[in-house]
Amino acid sequence: MSTENGDAAATDDMKRKFREALEKKNAHHREGEAHLDGDSAVHGTHGAMTRREFRRKSG
């Protein structure tokens, strides 16, 4: 019975370590997401719209 308790404690310890690492990773990832105005830095992604001209090949 003592090995089951040891295994359970090791499993709980491993889960705790993974959870802490995940929380640390997510906190680091969310660090730069505090956009107050919610406006994107990208504006006007499309270039000038021009009509394409197709010509027949001569010769």
Protein backbone atom coordinates (compact mmCIF):
# COMPACT_ATOMS: atom_id res chain seq x y z
CA MET A 1 0.00 0.00 0.00
CA SER A 2 2.87 2.38 0.62
CA THR A 3 3.97 2.21 -3.04
CA GLU A 4 0.50 3.29 -4.17
CA ASN A 5 0.70 6.34 -1.92
CA GLY A 6 4.19 7.07 -3.21
CA ASP A 7 3.03 6.75 -6.81
CA ALA A 8 0.01 8.95 -6.17
CA ALA A 9 2.17 11.57 -4.47
CA ALA A 10 4.65 11.49 -7.36
CA THR A 11 1.81 11.83 -9.87
CA ASP A 12 0.29 14.74 -7.95
CA ASP A 13 3.69 16.41 -7.72
CA MET A 14 4.23 15.97 -11.47
CA LYS A 15 0.78 17.39 -12.23
CA ARG A 16 1.48 20.37 -9.97
CA LYS A 17 4.80 21.06 -11.71
CA PHE A 18 3.22 20.87 -15.16
CA ARG A 19 0.36 23.13 -14.07
CA GLU A 20 2.81 25.70 -12.68
CA ALA A 21 4.86 25.59 -15.88
CA LEU A 22 1.74 26.04 -18.00
CA GLU A 23 0.55 28.97 -15.90
CA LYS A 24 3.99 30.57 -16.18
CA LYS A 25 3.98 30.08 -19.95
CA ASN A 26 0.49 31.51 -20.34
CA ALA A 27 1.27 34.48 -18.11
CA HIS A 28 4.34 35.24 -20.22
CA HIS A 29 2.31 34.88 -23.43
CA ARG A 30 -0.46 37.22 -22.23
CA GLU A 31 2.05 39.84 -21.11
CA GLY A 32 1.82 41.90 -24.32
CA GLU A 33 -1.92 41.61 -24.89
CA ALA A 34 -3.04 44.57 -22.79
CA HIS A 35 -4.37 46.59 -25.73
CA LEU A 36 -6.43 49.39 -24.30
CA ASP A 37 -8.02 50.69 -27.50
CA GLY A 38 -8.26 47.36 -29.32
CA ASP A 39 -7.07 48.96 -32.57
CA SER A 40 -4.90 46.93 -34.92
CA ALA A 41 -1.54 48.18 -36.12
CA VAL A 42 -2.35 46.98 -39.65
CA HIS A 43 -4.40 49.35 -41.79
CA GLY A 44 -5.09 49.29 -45.52
CA THR A 45 -3.79 45.82 -46.31
CA HIS A 46 -5.03 45.88 -49.92
CA GLY A 47 -3.11 47.62 -52.66
CA ALA A 48 -4.61 49.87 -55.32
CA MET A 49 -7.29 48.06 -57.31
CA THR A 50 -6.50 48.29 -61.03
CA ARG A 51 -8.26 46.65 -63.91
CA ARG A 52 -6.15 43.92 -65.49
CA GLU A 53 -5.61 44.20 -69.20
CA PHE A 54 -5.20 41.10 -71.37
CA ARG A 55 -3.72 41.38 -74.87
CA ARG A 56 -3.37 38.78 -77.54
CA LYS A 57 0.06 37.68 -78.46
CA SER A 58 0.95 38.92 -81.93
CA GLY A 59 3.52 37.06 -83.97
